[in-house]
């Protein structure tokens, strides 16, 4: 799984994100804009970022010090398991409460309580698994 969060993988993830209406269109309807980091637990910075404007990924690239609105971290085995079988709401909740999924930046509790955000957040894992 060495390709995870590489330049090529991030570009494919950004394209898949933009092609999924339940993700990009849903976030566009609420004017969602964020810089989202993805990486591994225990590392000092994320591996890659998606820069999202009006729900669409406008840049998917290696992290280069951008201020982050969200920073999601998990270990390699957790990411791999989610790429094989995207988690549902309960799986993500359990991963969060057990610290298998960490939000270094961002408010998981507030996001998951907002259906306009929670649905697309869950869809992002399914999109990630298509990459």
N, C-alpha and C. Protein backbone atom coordinates (compact mmCIF):
# COMPACT_ATOMS: atom_id res chain seq x y z
N UNK A 1 0.84 -1.18 0.00
CA UNK A 1 0.00 0.00 0.00
C UNK A 1 0.89 1.24 0.00
N UNK A 2 2.08 1.13 -0.54
CA UNK A 2 3.00 2.27 -0.53
C UNK A 2 2.48 3.45 -1.34
N UNK A 3 1.52 3.23 -2.19
CA UNK A 3 0.97 4.30 -3.03
C UNK A 3 0.07 5.25 -2.23
N UNK A 4 -0.43 4.82 -1.08
CA UNK A 4 -1.37 5.62 -0.30
C UNK A 4 -0.78 6.99 0.03
N UNK A 5 -1.52 8.03 -0.33
CA UNK A 5 -1.17 9.43 -0.11
C UNK A 5 -0.01 9.92 -0.96
N UNK A 6 0.38 9.16 -1.97
CA UNK A 6 1.39 9.63 -2.93
C UNK A 6 0.77 10.69 -3.84
N UNK A 7 1.60 11.39 -4.60
CA UNK A 7 1.10 12.40 -5.55
C UNK A 7 0.02 11.80 -6.45
N UNK A 8 0.32 10.66 -7.02
CA UNK A 8 -0.60 10.01 -7.95
C UNK A 8 -1.90 9.60 -7.27
N UNK A 9 -1.77 9.01 -6.09
CA UNK A 9 -2.95 8.57 -5.35
C UNK A 9 -3.83 9.77 -4.99
N UNK A 10 -3.21 10.84 -4.50
CA UNK A 10 -3.97 12.04 -4.14
C UNK A 10 -4.70 12.63 -5.34
N UNK A 11 -4.05 12.66 -6.50
CA UNK A 11 -4.70 13.18 -7.71
C UNK A 11 -5.91 12.32 -8.07
N UNK A 12 -5.77 11.01 -7.98
CA UNK A 12 -6.91 10.12 -8.27
C UNK A 12 -8.03 10.31 -7.25
N UNK A 13 -7.67 10.49 -5.99
CA UNK A 13 -8.67 10.72 -4.95
C UNK A 13 -9.42 12.02 -5.22
N UNK A 14 -8.70 13.07 -5.56
CA UNK A 14 -9.35 14.34 -5.88
C UNK A 14 -10.30 14.22 -7.05
N UNK A 15 -9.90 13.50 -8.10
CA UNK A 15 -10.77 13.29 -9.26
C UNK A 15 -12.01 12.49 -8.88
N UNK A 16 -11.81 11.44 -8.09
CA UNK A 16 -12.95 10.61 -7.66
C UNK A 16 -13.89 11.41 -6.77
N UNK A 17 -13.36 12.25 -5.90
CA UNK A 17 -14.16 13.12 -5.03
C UNK A 17 -15.05 14.00 -5.90
N UNK A 18 -14.46 14.66 -6.88
CA UNK A 18 -15.21 15.59 -7.72
C UNK A 18 -16.27 14.89 -8.57
N UNK A 19 -16.03 13.61 -8.87
CA UNK A 19 -16.98 12.85 -9.70
C UNK A 19 -18.14 12.26 -8.90
N UNK A 20 -18.10 12.38 -7.58
CA UNK A 20 -19.14 11.79 -6.73
C UNK A 20 -20.10 12.87 -6.25
N UNK A 21 -21.31 12.92 -6.83
CA UNK A 21 -22.27 13.97 -6.46
C UNK A 21 -22.66 13.95 -4.98
N UNK A 22 -22.72 12.77 -4.36
CA UNK A 22 -23.10 12.70 -2.95
C UNK A 22 -22.02 13.29 -2.04
N UNK A 23 -20.89 13.57 -2.61
CA UNK A 23 -19.80 14.18 -1.86
C UNK A 23 -19.61 15.63 -2.32
N UNK A 24 -19.17 15.82 -3.55
CA UNK A 24 -18.84 17.18 -4.00
C UNK A 24 -20.06 18.07 -4.15
N UNK A 25 -21.13 17.57 -4.73
CA UNK A 25 -22.33 18.40 -4.89
C UNK A 25 -22.97 18.70 -3.54
N UNK A 26 -23.01 17.68 -2.67
CA UNK A 26 -23.60 17.88 -1.34
C UNK A 26 -22.82 18.94 -0.56
N UNK A 27 -21.51 18.89 -0.63
CA UNK A 27 -20.70 19.90 0.07
C UNK A 27 -20.78 21.25 -0.63
N UNK A 28 -20.92 21.24 -1.92
CA UNK A 28 -21.07 22.49 -2.66
C UNK A 28 -22.34 23.24 -2.26
N UNK A 29 -23.40 22.50 -1.98
CA UNK A 29 -24.66 23.14 -1.58
C UNK A 29 -24.54 23.91 -0.27
N UNK A 30 -23.57 23.53 0.56
CA UNK A 30 -23.40 24.26 1.83
C UNK A 30 -22.16 25.17 1.79
N UNK A 31 -21.58 25.32 0.60
CA UNK A 31 -20.43 26.20 0.45
C UNK A 31 -19.19 25.73 1.21
N UNK A 32 -19.03 24.42 1.31
CA UNK A 32 -17.92 23.85 2.08
C UNK A 32 -16.58 24.20 1.43
N UNK A 33 -15.69 24.76 2.24
CA UNK A 33 -14.33 25.07 1.84
C UNK A 33 -13.40 24.65 2.96
N UNK A 34 -12.37 23.88 2.62
CA UNK A 34 -11.45 23.42 3.66
C UNK A 34 -10.17 22.90 3.02
N UNK A 35 -9.14 22.89 3.83
CA UNK A 35 -7.90 22.21 3.49
C UNK A 35 -7.83 21.01 4.44
N UNK A 36 -7.84 19.81 3.84
CA UNK A 36 -7.95 18.57 4.60
C UNK A 36 -6.66 17.78 4.47
N UNK A 37 -6.04 17.51 5.59
CA UNK A 37 -4.83 16.70 5.60
C UNK A 37 -5.16 15.24 5.88
N UNK A 38 -4.38 14.36 5.28
CA UNK A 38 -4.50 12.92 5.50
C UNK A 38 -3.11 12.37 5.78
N UNK A 39 -3.03 11.47 6.73
CA UNK A 39 -1.73 10.89 7.02
C UNK A 39 -1.80 9.78 8.04
N UNK A 40 -0.65 9.55 8.65
CA UNK A 40 -0.49 8.42 9.57
C UNK A 40 -0.28 8.89 11.00
N UNK A 41 -0.87 8.15 11.91
CA UNK A 41 -0.68 8.43 13.33
C UNK A 41 0.80 8.39 13.66
N UNK A 42 1.19 9.27 14.56
CA UNK A 42 2.57 9.28 15.02
C UNK A 42 3.51 10.12 14.18
N UNK A 43 3.09 10.53 13.01
CA UNK A 43 3.93 11.39 12.19
C UNK A 43 3.65 12.85 12.53
N UNK A 44 4.64 13.71 12.35
CA UNK A 44 4.49 15.09 12.77
C UNK A 44 3.66 15.93 11.81
N UNK A 45 3.43 15.44 10.60
CA UNK A 45 2.62 16.18 9.65
C UNK A 45 1.88 15.19 8.75
N UNK A 46 0.80 15.65 8.13
CA UNK A 46 0.09 14.75 7.21
C UNK A 46 0.92 14.48 5.96
N UNK A 47 0.58 13.45 5.24
CA UNK A 47 1.28 13.12 3.99
C UNK A 47 0.76 13.96 2.83
N UNK A 48 -0.55 14.16 2.80
CA UNK A 48 -1.14 14.87 1.66
C UNK A 48 -2.30 15.73 2.09
N UNK A 49 -2.71 16.61 1.16
CA UNK A 49 -3.85 17.49 1.43
C UNK A 49 -4.76 17.56 0.21
N UNK A 50 -6.03 17.74 0.51
CA UNK A 50 -7.02 18.12 -0.49
C UNK A 50 -7.45 19.53 -0.14
N UNK A 51 -7.44 20.39 -1.13
CA UNK A 51 -7.95 21.74 -0.95
C UNK A 51 -9.29 21.78 -1.66
N UNK A 52 -10.34 22.05 -0.87
CA UNK A 52 -11.71 21.97 -1.35
C UNK A 52 -12.33 23.36 -1.34
N UNK A 53 -12.94 23.73 -2.46
CA UNK A 53 -13.65 25.00 -2.59
C UNK A 53 -15.03 24.71 -3.15
N UNK A 54 -16.05 25.19 -2.45
CA UNK A 54 -17.44 24.93 -2.85
C UNK A 54 -17.69 23.46 -3.14
N UNK A 55 -17.12 22.60 -2.30
CA UNK A 55 -17.34 21.17 -2.37
C UNK A 55 -16.44 20.42 -3.32
N UNK A 56 -15.74 21.11 -4.21
CA UNK A 56 -14.88 20.47 -5.22
C UNK A 56 -13.41 20.55 -4.82
N UNK A 57 -12.70 19.49 -5.10
CA UNK A 57 -11.25 19.49 -4.89
C UNK A 57 -10.61 20.32 -5.99
N UNK A 58 -9.91 21.37 -5.59
CA UNK A 58 -9.20 22.21 -6.55
C UNK A 58 -7.71 21.90 -6.57
N UNK A 59 -7.23 21.20 -5.54
CA UNK A 59 -5.84 20.79 -5.49
C UNK A 59 -5.73 19.57 -4.59
N UNK A 60 -4.97 18.59 -5.05
CA UNK A 60 -4.69 17.38 -4.28
C UNK A 60 -3.19 17.15 -4.41
N UNK A 61 -2.47 17.27 -3.28
CA UNK A 61 -1.02 17.29 -3.38
C UNK A 61 -0.37 16.92 -2.06
N UNK A 62 0.93 16.70 -2.11
CA UNK A 62 1.65 16.46 -0.85
C UNK A 62 1.53 17.68 0.06
N UNK A 63 1.52 17.43 1.35
CA UNK A 63 1.45 18.51 2.33
C UNK A 63 2.72 19.34 2.26
N UNK A 64 2.55 20.67 2.24
CA UNK A 64 3.72 21.55 2.21
C UNK A 64 3.55 22.72 3.18
N UNK A 65 2.94 22.43 4.34
CA UNK A 65 2.85 23.43 5.38
C UNK A 65 1.59 24.28 5.38
N UNK A 66 0.62 23.94 4.52
CA UNK A 66 -0.63 24.71 4.48
C UNK A 66 -1.33 24.66 5.83
N UNK A 67 -1.98 25.76 6.24
CA UNK A 67 -2.83 25.69 7.43
C UNK A 67 -3.99 24.73 7.15
N UNK A 68 -4.26 23.85 8.09
CA UNK A 68 -5.28 22.82 7.90
C UNK A 68 -6.55 23.14 8.67
N UNK A 69 -7.68 22.83 8.04
CA UNK A 69 -8.97 22.89 8.72
C UNK A 69 -9.32 21.54 9.33
N UNK A 70 -8.83 20.48 8.69
CA UNK A 70 -9.04 19.11 9.13
C UNK A 70 -7.73 18.36 8.92
N UNK A 71 -7.44 17.44 9.81
CA UNK A 71 -6.23 16.61 9.67
C UNK A 71 -6.58 15.25 10.24
N UNK A 72 -6.79 14.29 9.35
CA UNK A 72 -7.20 12.94 9.74
C UNK A 72 -6.00 12.01 9.70
N UNK A 73 -5.86 11.24 10.79
CA UNK A 73 -4.73 10.32 10.90
C UNK A 73 -5.22 8.95 11.37
N UNK A 74 -4.63 7.94 10.79
CA UNK A 74 -4.86 6.56 11.22
C UNK A 74 -3.58 5.79 10.90
N UNK A 75 -3.44 4.60 11.45
CA UNK A 75 -2.26 3.82 11.09
C UNK A 75 -2.51 3.12 9.75
N UNK A 76 -1.45 2.60 9.17
CA UNK A 76 -1.53 1.99 7.84
C UNK A 76 -2.57 0.87 7.80
N UNK A 77 -2.61 0.03 8.82
CA UNK A 77 -3.54 -1.09 8.79
C UNK A 77 -4.99 -0.61 8.81
N UNK A 78 -5.27 0.47 9.52
CA UNK A 78 -6.64 1.01 9.55
C UNK A 78 -7.00 1.56 8.18
N UNK A 79 -6.13 2.38 7.58
CA UNK A 79 -6.41 2.90 6.24
C UNK A 79 -6.62 1.75 5.26
N UNK A 80 -5.75 0.74 5.31
CA UNK A 80 -5.87 -0.40 4.39
C UNK A 80 -7.20 -1.11 4.56
N UNK A 81 -7.62 -1.31 5.81
CA UNK A 81 -8.89 -2.01 6.03
C UNK A 81 -10.05 -1.18 5.47
N UNK A 82 -9.98 0.15 5.58
CA UNK A 82 -11.04 1.00 5.05
C UNK A 82 -11.01 1.08 3.53
N UNK A 83 -9.85 0.89 2.92
CA UNK A 83 -9.79 0.85 1.47
C UNK A 83 -10.40 -0.45 0.95
N UNK A 84 -10.25 -1.52 1.73
CA UNK A 84 -10.86 -2.80 1.35
C UNK A 84 -12.36 -2.79 1.61
N UNK A 85 -12.76 -2.23 2.74
CA UNK A 85 -14.17 -2.20 3.15
C UNK A 85 -14.43 -0.85 3.83
N UNK A 86 -14.98 0.12 3.10
CA UNK A 86 -15.22 1.43 3.71
C UNK A 86 -16.07 1.31 4.98
N UNK A 87 -15.72 2.06 6.00
CA UNK A 87 -16.46 1.97 7.26
C UNK A 87 -17.81 2.67 7.17
N UNK A 88 -18.73 2.21 7.98
CA UNK A 88 -20.00 2.90 8.14
C UNK A 88 -19.89 3.88 9.30
N UNK A 89 -21.00 4.51 9.61
CA UNK A 89 -21.03 5.50 10.68
C UNK A 89 -20.55 4.91 12.00
N UNK A 90 -21.01 3.69 12.31
CA UNK A 90 -20.62 3.06 13.57
C UNK A 90 -19.12 2.74 13.57
N UNK A 91 -18.61 2.26 12.46
CA UNK A 91 -17.19 1.93 12.38
C UNK A 91 -16.30 3.15 12.57
N UNK A 92 -16.68 4.25 11.95
CA UNK A 92 -15.90 5.48 12.11
C UNK A 92 -16.01 5.98 13.55
N UNK A 93 -17.21 5.92 14.11
CA UNK A 93 -17.39 6.35 15.49
C UNK A 93 -16.55 5.54 16.46
N UNK A 94 -16.53 4.23 16.25
CA UNK A 94 -15.72 3.36 17.10
C UNK A 94 -14.23 3.65 16.91
N UNK A 95 -13.83 3.88 15.67
CA UNK A 95 -12.42 4.19 15.40
C UNK A 95 -12.03 5.50 16.07
N UNK A 96 -12.92 6.47 16.05
CA UNK A 96 -12.64 7.76 16.68
C UNK A 96 -12.54 7.62 18.21
N UNK A 97 -13.51 6.93 18.80
CA UNK A 97 -13.50 6.82 20.26
C UNK A 97 -12.35 5.96 20.77
N UNK A 98 -11.85 5.04 19.95
CA UNK A 98 -10.73 4.21 20.36
C UNK A 98 -9.38 4.78 19.90
N UNK A 99 -9.41 5.96 19.29
CA UNK A 99 -8.22 6.66 18.78
C UNK A 99 -7.55 5.96 17.60
N UNK A 100 -8.24 5.02 16.96
CA UNK A 100 -7.71 4.46 15.71
C UNK A 100 -7.79 5.50 14.60
N UNK A 101 -8.76 6.40 14.69
CA UNK A 101 -8.87 7.55 13.80
C UNK A 101 -8.70 8.79 14.67
N UNK A 102 -7.74 9.60 14.31
CA UNK A 102 -7.49 10.82 15.08
C UNK A 102 -7.74 12.04 14.21
N UNK A 103 -8.37 13.03 14.81
CA UNK A 103 -8.54 14.33 14.19
C UNK A 103 -7.52 15.25 14.87
N UNK A 104 -6.37 15.41 14.26
CA UNK A 104 -5.34 16.28 14.82
C UNK A 104 -5.84 17.72 14.77
N UNK A 105 -6.56 18.04 13.71
CA UNK A 105 -7.23 19.33 13.56
C UNK A 105 -8.65 19.05 13.10
N UNK A 106 -9.61 19.77 13.63
CA UNK A 106 -11.01 19.60 13.23
C UNK A 106 -11.84 19.05 14.37
N UNK A 107 -13.11 19.35 14.33
CA UNK A 107 -14.03 18.97 15.39
C UNK A 107 -14.94 17.84 14.91
N UNK A 108 -14.51 16.62 15.17
CA UNK A 108 -15.28 15.44 14.75
C UNK A 108 -16.70 15.47 15.31
N UNK A 109 -16.84 15.77 16.59
CA UNK A 109 -18.15 15.73 17.24
C UNK A 109 -19.12 16.71 16.60
N UNK A 110 -18.68 17.92 16.32
CA UNK A 110 -19.56 18.91 15.70
C UNK A 110 -19.90 18.50 14.27
N UNK A 111 -18.92 17.97 13.54
CA UNK A 111 -19.15 17.58 12.15
C UNK A 111 -20.15 16.43 12.06
N UNK A 112 -19.98 15.43 12.89
CA UNK A 112 -20.80 14.23 12.78
C UNK A 112 -22.25 14.49 13.20
N UNK A 113 -22.48 15.55 13.97
CA UNK A 113 -23.84 15.91 14.38
C UNK A 113 -24.59 16.70 13.31
N UNK A 114 -23.89 17.17 12.29
CA UNK A 114 -24.48 17.95 11.21
C UNK A 114 -24.69 17.04 9.99
N UNK A 115 -25.93 16.65 9.69
CA UNK A 115 -26.15 15.72 8.59
C UNK A 115 -25.63 16.23 7.25
N UNK A 116 -25.56 17.53 7.08
CA UNK A 116 -25.03 18.09 5.82
C UNK A 116 -23.55 17.80 5.67
N UNK A 117 -22.88 17.55 6.79
CA UNK A 117 -21.45 17.24 6.77
C UNK A 117 -21.20 15.74 6.97
N UNK A 118 -21.98 15.11 7.84
CA UNK A 118 -21.76 13.71 8.19
C UNK A 118 -21.92 12.79 6.98
N UNK A 119 -22.96 13.00 6.20
CA UNK A 119 -23.18 12.16 5.02
C UNK A 119 -22.02 12.22 4.04
N UNK A 120 -21.61 13.41 3.63
CA UNK A 120 -20.46 13.49 2.73
C UNK A 120 -19.17 12.96 3.36
N UNK A 121 -18.98 13.18 4.66
CA UNK A 121 -17.78 12.66 5.32
C UNK A 121 -17.74 11.14 5.18
N UNK A 122 -18.86 10.49 5.43
CA UNK A 122 -18.90 9.04 5.30
C UNK A 122 -18.68 8.62 3.86
N UNK A 123 -19.25 9.35 2.93
CA UNK A 123 -19.09 9.05 1.50
C UNK A 123 -17.63 9.16 1.10
N UNK A 124 -16.87 10.04 1.75
CA UNK A 124 -15.45 10.20 1.37
C UNK A 124 -14.67 8.91 1.55
N UNK A 125 -15.05 8.09 2.52
CA UNK A 125 -14.36 6.82 2.72
C UNK A 125 -14.66 5.84 1.57
N UNK A 126 -15.91 5.85 1.11
CA UNK A 126 -16.26 4.99 -0.03
C UNK A 126 -15.53 5.46 -1.29
N UNK A 127 -15.43 6.77 -1.47
CA UNK A 127 -14.71 7.30 -2.63
C UNK A 127 -13.23 6.94 -2.53
N UNK A 128 -12.67 7.07 -1.33
CA UNK A 128 -11.26 6.72 -1.12
C UNK A 128 -11.02 5.26 -1.51
N UNK A 129 -11.96 4.40 -1.20
CA UNK A 129 -11.79 2.97 -1.51
C UNK A 129 -11.82 2.68 -3.01
N UNK A 130 -12.35 3.60 -3.81
CA UNK A 130 -12.38 3.41 -5.27
C UNK A 130 -11.06 3.77 -5.93
N UNK A 131 -10.20 4.47 -5.20
CA UNK A 131 -8.96 4.96 -5.80
C UNK A 131 -7.96 3.81 -5.96
